PDB file of N, CA and C in Angstrom:
ATOM      1  N   MET A   1     104.570 -46.243  86.074  1.00  0.00           N
ATOM      2  CA  MET A   1     105.470 -45.574  86.619  1.00  0.00           C
ATOM      3  C   MET A   1     104.988 -44.081  86.820  1.00  0.00           C
ATOM      4  N   THR A   2     105.329 -43.391  88.169  1.00  0.00           N
ATOM      5  CA  THR A   2     104.531 -42.356  88.136  1.00  0.00           C
ATOM      6  C   THR A   2     105.666 -40.850  87.739  1.00  0.00           C
ATOM      7  N   GLU A   3     105.190 -39.930  87.333  1.00  0.00           N
ATOM      8  CA  GLU A   3     106.149 -38.649  86.835  1.00  0.00           C
ATOM      9  C   GLU A   3     107.141 -38.668  87.896  1.00  0.00           C
ATOM     10  N   ALA A   4     106.919 -38.545  89.288  1.00  0.00           N
ATOM     11  CA  ALA A   4     107.910 -38.238  90.164  1.00  0.00           C
ATOM     12  C   ALA A   4     108.994 -39.365  90.218  1.00  0.00           C
ATOM     13  N   VAL A   5     108.826 -40.420  90.057  1.00  0.00           N
ATOM     14  CA  VAL A   5     109.745 -41.745  89.916  1.00  0.00           C
ATOM     15  C   VAL A   5     110.604 -41.383  88.490  1.00  0.00           C
ATOM     16  N   ARG A   6     109.948 -41.056  87.551  1.00  0.00           N
ATOM     17  CA  ARG A   6     110.452 -40.627  86.570  1.00  0.00           C
ATOM     18  C   ARG A   6     111.866 -39.623  86.294  1.00  0.00           C
ATOM     19  N   ARG A   7     111.311 -38.839  86.903  1.00  0.00           N
ATOM     20  CA  ARG A   7     111.988 -37.629  87.190  1.00  0.00           C
ATOM     21  C   ARG A   7     113.307 -37.909  87.920  1.00  0.00           C
ATOM     22  N   THR A   8     112.910 -38.773  88.993  1.00  0.00           N
ATOM     23  CA  THR A   8     114.711 -38.841  89.912  1.00  0.00           C
ATOM     24  C   THR A   8     115.383 -39.880  89.155  1.00  0.00           C
ATOM     25  N   ASP A   9     115.011 -40.850  87.925  1.00  0.00           N
ATOM     26  CA  ASP A   9     115.859 -41.276  87.001  1.00  0.00           C
ATOM     27  C   ASP A   9     116.810 -40.336  86.509  1.00  0.00           C
ATOM     28  N   LYS A  10     116.661 -39.155  86.190  1.00  0.00           N
ATOM     29  CA  LYS A  10     117.407 -38.182  85.305  1.00  0.00           C
ATOM     30  C   LYS A  10     118.529 -37.919  86.295  1.00  0.00           C
ATOM     31  N   THR A  11     119.837 -38.062  85.528  1.00  0.00           N
ATOM     32  CA  THR A  11     121.016 -37.961  86.173  1.00  0.00           C
ATOM     33  C   THR A  11     121.400 -36.750  85.309  1.00  0.00           C
ATOM     34  N   VAL A  12     121.990 -35.584  86.130  1.00  0.00           N
ATOM     35  CA  VAL A  12     122.594 -34.400  85.633  1.00  0.00           C
ATOM     36  C   VAL A  12     124.046 -34.562  85.459  1.00  0.00           C
ATOM     37  N   HIS A  13     124.625 -34.312  84.211  1.00  0.00           N
ATOM     38  CA  HIS A  13     126.207 -34.706  83.961  1.00  0.00           C
ATOM     39  C   HIS A  13     126.870 -33.673  83.864  1.00  0.00           C
ATOM     40  N   LEU A  14     126.259 -32.738  83.469  1.00  0.00           N
ATOM     41  CA  LEU A  14     127.216 -31.229  83.096  1.00  0.00           C
ATOM     42  C   LEU A  14     125.793 -29.997  82.950  1.00  0.00           C
ATOM     43  N   ARG A  15     126.079 -29.075  83.901  1.00  0.00           N
ATOM     44  CA  ARG A  15     125.301 -27.714  83.679  1.00  0.00           C
ATOM     45  C   ARG A  15     126.147 -27.145  82.812  1.00  0.00           C
ATOM     46  N   ILE A  16     125.487 -26.124  82.099  1.00  0.00           N
ATOM     47  CA  ILE A  16     126.144 -25.197  81.304  1.00  0.00           C
ATOM     48  C   ILE A  16     125.450 -24.117  81.581  1.00  0.00           C
ATOM     49  N   ASP A  17     126.753 -23.255  81.614  1.00  0.00           N
ATOM     50  CA  ASP A  17     126.117 -21.623  82.245  1.00  0.00           C
ATOM     51  C   ASP A  17     125.700 -20.674  80.754  1.00  0.00           C
ATOM     52  N   PRO A  18     124.511 -20.399  80.794  1.00  0.00           N
ATOM     53  CA  PRO A  18     124.031 -19.958  79.816  1.00  0.00           C
ATOM     54  C   PRO A  18     124.860 -18.425  79.449  1.00  0.00           C
ATOM     55  N   HIS A  19     125.189 -17.875  80.269  1.00  0.00           N
ATOM     56  CA  HIS A  19     126.106 -16.700  80.144  1.00  0.00           C
ATOM     57  C   HIS A  19     127.548 -16.714  79.443  1.00  0.00           C
ATOM     58  N   ASP A  20     127.904 -17.871  79.473  1.00  0.00           N
ATOM     59  CA  ASP A  20     129.438 -18.170  79.102  1.00  0.00           C
ATOM     60  C   ASP A  20     129.390 -18.465  77.630  1.00  0.00           C
ATOM     61  N   GLU A  21     129.833 -17.518  77.177  1.00  0.00           N
ATOM     62  CA  GLU A  21     130.109 -17.258  75.381  1.00  0.00           C
ATOM     63  C   GLU A  21     130.806 -17.975  74.975  1.00  0.00           C
ATOM     64  N   THR A  22     131.645 -18.706  75.920  1.00  0.00           N
ATOM     65  CA  THR A  22     132.977 -19.716  74.946  1.00  0.00           C
ATOM     66  C   THR A  22     132.221 -21.208  74.896  1.00  0.00           C
ATOM     67  N   THR A  23     130.997 -21.264  75.477  1.00  0.00           N
ATOM     68  CA  THR A  23     130.736 -22.664  74.849  1.00  0.00           C
ATOM     69  C   THR A  23     130.216 -22.460  73.965  1.00  0.00           C
ATOM     70  N   THR A  24     130.206 -23.443  72.850  1.00  0.00           N
ATOM     71  CA  THR A  24     129.717 -23.665  71.443  1.00  0.00           C
ATOM     72  C   THR A  24     128.823 -24.779  71.350  1.00  0.00           C
ATOM     73  N   LEU A  25     127.946 -24.983  70.582  1.00  0.00           N
ATOM     74  CA  LEU A  25     127.070 -25.832  70.326  1.00  0.00           C
ATOM     75  C   LEU A  25     127.876 -27.285  69.937  1.00  0.00           C
ATOM     76  N   GLU A  26     129.117 -26.956  69.189  1.00  0.00           N
ATOM     77  CA  GLU A  26     129.915 -28.284  68.942  1.00  0.00           C
ATOM     78  C   GLU A  26     130.452 -28.803  70.393  1.00  0.00           C
ATOM     79  N   ASP A  27     130.700 -28.176  71.242  1.00  0.00           N
ATOM     80  CA  ASP A  27     130.998 -28.435  72.633  1.00  0.00           C
ATOM     81  C   ASP A  27     130.060 -29.109  73.216  1.00  0.00           C
ATOM     82  N   VAL A  28     128.913 -28.951  73.408  1.00  0.00           N
ATOM     83  CA  VAL A  28     127.751 -29.432  73.862  1.00  0.00           C
ATOM     84  C   VAL A  28     127.380 -30.969  73.344  1.00  0.00           C
ATOM     85  N   LEU A  29     127.351 -30.771  72.002  1.00  0.00           N
ATOM     86  CA  LEU A  29     127.021 -32.277  71.061  1.00  0.00           C
ATOM     87  C   LEU A  29     128.356 -33.124  71.403  1.00  0.00           C
ATOM     88  N   SER A  30     129.652 -32.845  71.515  1.00  0.00           N
ATOM     89  CA  SER A  30     130.659 -33.579  71.502  1.00  0.00           C
ATOM     90  C   SER A  30     130.444 -34.023  72.868  1.00  0.00           C
ATOM     91  N   LYS A  31     129.930 -33.616  73.845  1.00  0.00           N
ATOM     92  CA  LYS A  31     130.050 -34.071  75.411  1.00  0.00           C
ATOM     93  C   LYS A  31     128.789 -34.766  75.161  1.00  0.00           C
ATOM     94  N   ILE A  32     127.602 -34.860  74.888  1.00  0.00           N
ATOM     95  CA  ILE A  32     126.514 -35.694  74.396  1.00  0.00           C
ATOM     96  C   ILE A  32     127.179 -36.660  73.783  1.00  0.00           C
ATOM     97  N   THR A  33     127.616 -36.904  72.666  1.00  0.00           N
ATOM     98  CA  THR A  33     128.236 -37.978  72.429  1.00  0.00           C
ATOM     99  C   THR A  33     129.356 -38.968  73.223  1.00  0.00           C
ATOM    100  N   GLU A  34     130.278 -38.247  73.825  1.00  0.00           N
ATOM    101  CA  GLU A  34     130.765 -38.888  74.894  1.00  0.00           C
ATOM    102  C   GLU A  34     130.104 -39.671  76.025  1.00  0.00           C
ATOM    103  N   LEU A  35     129.147 -39.009  76.360  1.00  0.00           N
ATOM    104  CA  LEU A  35     128.126 -39.460  77.455  1.00  0.00           C
ATOM    105  C   LEU A  35     127.254 -40.649  76.781  1.00  0.00           C
ATOM    106  N   GLN A  36     126.791 -40.589  75.497  1.00  0.00           N
ATOM    107  CA  GLN A  36     126.470 -41.410  75.103  1.00  0.00           C
ATOM    108  C   GLN A  36     127.337 -43.103  74.880  1.00  0.00           C
ATOM    109  N   ARG A  37     128.898 -42.519  74.346  1.00  0.00           N
ATOM    110  CA  ARG A  37     129.720 -43.725  74.321  1.00  0.00           C
ATOM    111  C   ARG A  37     129.855 -44.550  75.628  1.00  0.00           C
ATOM    112  N   LYS A  38     129.878 -43.463  76.590  1.00  0.00           N
ATOM    113  CA  LYS A  38     130.391 -44.151  77.956  1.00  0.00           C
ATOM    114  C   LYS A  38     129.302 -44.683  78.847  1.00  0.00           C
ATOM    115  N   HIS A  39     127.848 -44.308  78.504  1.00  0.00           N
ATOM    116  CA  HIS A  39     126.662 -44.891  79.031  1.00  0.00           C
ATOM    117  C   HIS A  39     125.708 -45.340  77.937  1.00  0.00           C
ATOM    118  N   PRO A  40     125.971 -46.530  77.336  1.00  0.00           N
ATOM    119  CA  PRO A  40     124.946 -47.152  76.066  1.00  0.00           C
ATOM    120  C   PRO A  40     123.685 -47.486  76.493  1.00  0.00           C
ATOM    121  N   ASP A  41     123.733 -47.732  77.884  1.00  0.00           N
ATOM    122  CA  ASP A  41     122.373 -48.158  78.474  1.00  0.00           C
ATOM    123  C   ASP A  41     121.575 -46.660  78.912  1.00  0.00           C
ATOM    124  N   ARG A  42     121.773 -45.793  78.661  1.00  0.00           N
ATOM    125  CA  ARG A  42     121.060 -44.383  78.897  1.00  0.00           C
ATOM    126  C   ARG A  42     120.827 -43.545  78.087  1.00  0.00           C
ATOM    127  N   GLU A  43     119.674 -42.781  78.075  1.00  0.00           N
ATOM    128  CA  GLU A  43     119.521 -41.895  77.124  1.00  0.00           C
ATOM    129  C   GLU A  43     120.088 -40.549  77.354  1.00  0.00           C
ATOM    130  N   VAL A  44     120.778 -39.898  76.521  1.00  0.00           N
ATOM    131  CA  VAL A  44     121.502 -38.830  76.790  1.00  0.00           C
ATOM    132  C   VAL A  44     120.801 -37.482  76.174  1.00  0.00           C
ATOM    133  N   PHE A  45     120.541 -36.631  76.803  1.00  0.00           N
ATOM    134  CA  PHE A  45     119.797 -35.641  75.976  1.00  0.00           C
ATOM    135  C   PHE A  45     120.323 -34.299  76.827  1.00  0.00           C
ATOM    136  N   PHE A  46     119.878 -33.090  76.063  1.00  0.00           N
ATOM    137  CA  PHE A  46     119.890 -31.649  76.541  1.00  0.00           C
ATOM    138  C   PHE A  46     118.857 -31.142  77.352  1.00  0.00           C
ATOM    139  N   ASP A  47     118.739 -31.052  78.244  1.00  0.00           N
ATOM    140  CA  ASP A  47     117.415 -30.329  79.039  1.00  0.00           C
ATOM    141  C   ASP A  47     117.382 -28.674  78.990  1.00  0.00           C
ATOM    142  N   GLY A  48     116.803 -28.209  78.346  1.00  0.00           N
ATOM    143  CA  GLY A  48     116.584 -26.781  78.310  1.00  0.00           C
ATOM    144  C   GLY A  48     115.946 -26.402  79.613  1.00  0.00           C
ATOM    145  N   ASP A  49     115.357 -26.904  80.281  1.00  0.00           N
ATOM    146  CA  ASP A  49     114.685 -26.272  81.505  1.00  0.00           C
ATOM    147  C   ASP A  49     115.845 -25.944  82.503  1.00  0.00           C
ATOM    148  N   GLU A  50     116.961 -27.140  82.705  1.00  0.00           N
ATOM    149  CA  GLU A  50     117.757 -27.045  83.606  1.00  0.00           C
ATOM    150  C   GLU A  50     119.243 -26.726  83.139  1.00  0.00           C
ATOM    151  N   TYR A  51     119.264 -26.524  81.677  1.00  0.00           N
ATOM    152  CA  TYR A  51     120.426 -25.900  81.011  1.00  0.00           C
ATOM    153  C   TYR A  51     121.358 -26.767  81.127  1.00  0.00           C
ATOM    154  N   ALA A  52     121.235 -28.094  81.027  1.00  0.00           N
ATOM    155  CA  ALA A  52     122.498 -29.151  81.451  1.00  0.00           C
ATOM    156  C   ALA A  52     122.139 -30.207  80.507  1.00  0.00           C
ATOM    157  N   ILE A  53     123.112 -31.114  80.463  1.00  0.00           N
ATOM    158  CA  ILE A  53     123.111 -32.473  79.568  1.00  0.00           C
ATOM    159  C   ILE A  53     122.893 -33.402  80.593  1.00  0.00           C
ATOM    160  N   CYS A  54     121.830 -34.296  80.518  1.00  0.00           N
ATOM    161  CA  CYS A  54     121.502 -35.354  81.505  1.00  0.00           C
ATOM    162  C   CYS A  54     121.060 -36.494  80.714  1.00  0.00           C
ATOM    163  N   SER A  55     120.773 -37.639  81.381  1.00  0.00           N
ATOM    164  CA  SER A  55     120.612 -38.878  81.107  1.00  0.00           C
ATOM    165  C   SER A  55     119.455 -39.263  81.876  1.00  0.00           C
ATOM    166  N   ARG A  56     119.064 -40.544  81.260  1.00  0.00           N
ATOM    167  CA  ARG A  56     117.922 -41.422  82.091  1.00  0.00           C
ATOM    168  C   ARG A  56     117.929 -42.747  81.319  1.00  0.00           C
ATOM    169  N   PRO A  57     117.778 -43.657  82.023  1.00  0.00           N
ATOM    170  CA  PRO A  57     117.863 -45.097  81.619  1.00  0.00           C
ATOM    171  C   PRO A  57     116.996 -45.185  80.234  1.00  0.00           C
ATOM    172  N   LYS A  58     117.090 -45.908  79.422  1.00  0.00           N
ATOM    173  CA  LYS A  58     116.617 -46.331  78.232  1.00  0.00           C
ATOM    174  C   LYS A  58     115.479 -47.080  78.393  1.00  0.00           C
ATOM    175  N   ARG A  59     114.259 -46.593  77.963  1.00  0.00           N
ATOM    176  CA  ARG A  59     113.150 -47.463  77.932  1.00  0.00           C
ATOM    177  C   ARG A  59     113.115 -48.841  76.863  1.00  0.00           C
ATOM    178  N   LEU A  60     112.518 -49.874  77.660  1.00  0.00           N
ATOM    179  CA  LEU A  60     112.261 -50.880  77.006  1.00  0.00           C
ATOM    180  C   LEU A  60     111.397 -51.069  75.826  1.00  0.00           C
ATOM    181  N   ARG A  61     111.604 -51.388  74.646  1.00  0.00           N
ATOM    182  CA  ARG A  61     110.567 -51.118  73.543  1.00  0.00           C
ATOM    183  C   ARG A  61     109.956 -52.181  73.427  1.00  0.00           C
ATOM    184  N   HIS A  62     108.505 -52.526  73.581  1.00  0.00           N
ATOM    185  CA  HIS A  62     107.762 -53.796  73.458  1.00  0.00           C
ATOM    186  C   HIS A  62     107.550 -54.051  72.032  1.00  0.00           C
ATOM    187  N   PRO A  63     107.742 -55.220  71.611  1.00  0.00           N
ATOM    188  CA  PRO A  63     107.315 -55.565  70.359  1.00  0.00           C
ATOM    189  C   PRO A  63     106.124 -55.394  69.562  1.00  0.00           C
ATOM    190  N   ALA A  64     105.911 -55.056  68.551  1.00  0.00           N
ATOM    191  CA  ALA A  64     104.430 -54.807  68.047  1.00  0.00           C
ATOM    192  C   ALA A  64     103.444 -56.013  68.280  1.00  0.00           C
ATOM    193  N   ARG A  65     102.701 -55.777  68.780  1.00  0.00           N
ATOM    194  CA  ARG A  65     101.452 -56.782  69.046  1.00  0.00           C
ATOM    195  C   ARG A  65     100.675 -57.302  67.991  1.00  0.00           C
TER     196      ARG A  65
END
């Protein structure tokens, strides 16, 4: 899978305004937890480059050989 294909798998759920001082770390973590429950098949993470909460499909883990 190429890097370009992997990027298209990413979904932005919520952009965060870095200048909004009312948004707390607790707000961000609680939104991540909510999205993890809502989308158990996706890896939910904070993307610092986009300043957003995003997700992508979870990778299948291959058993140890």
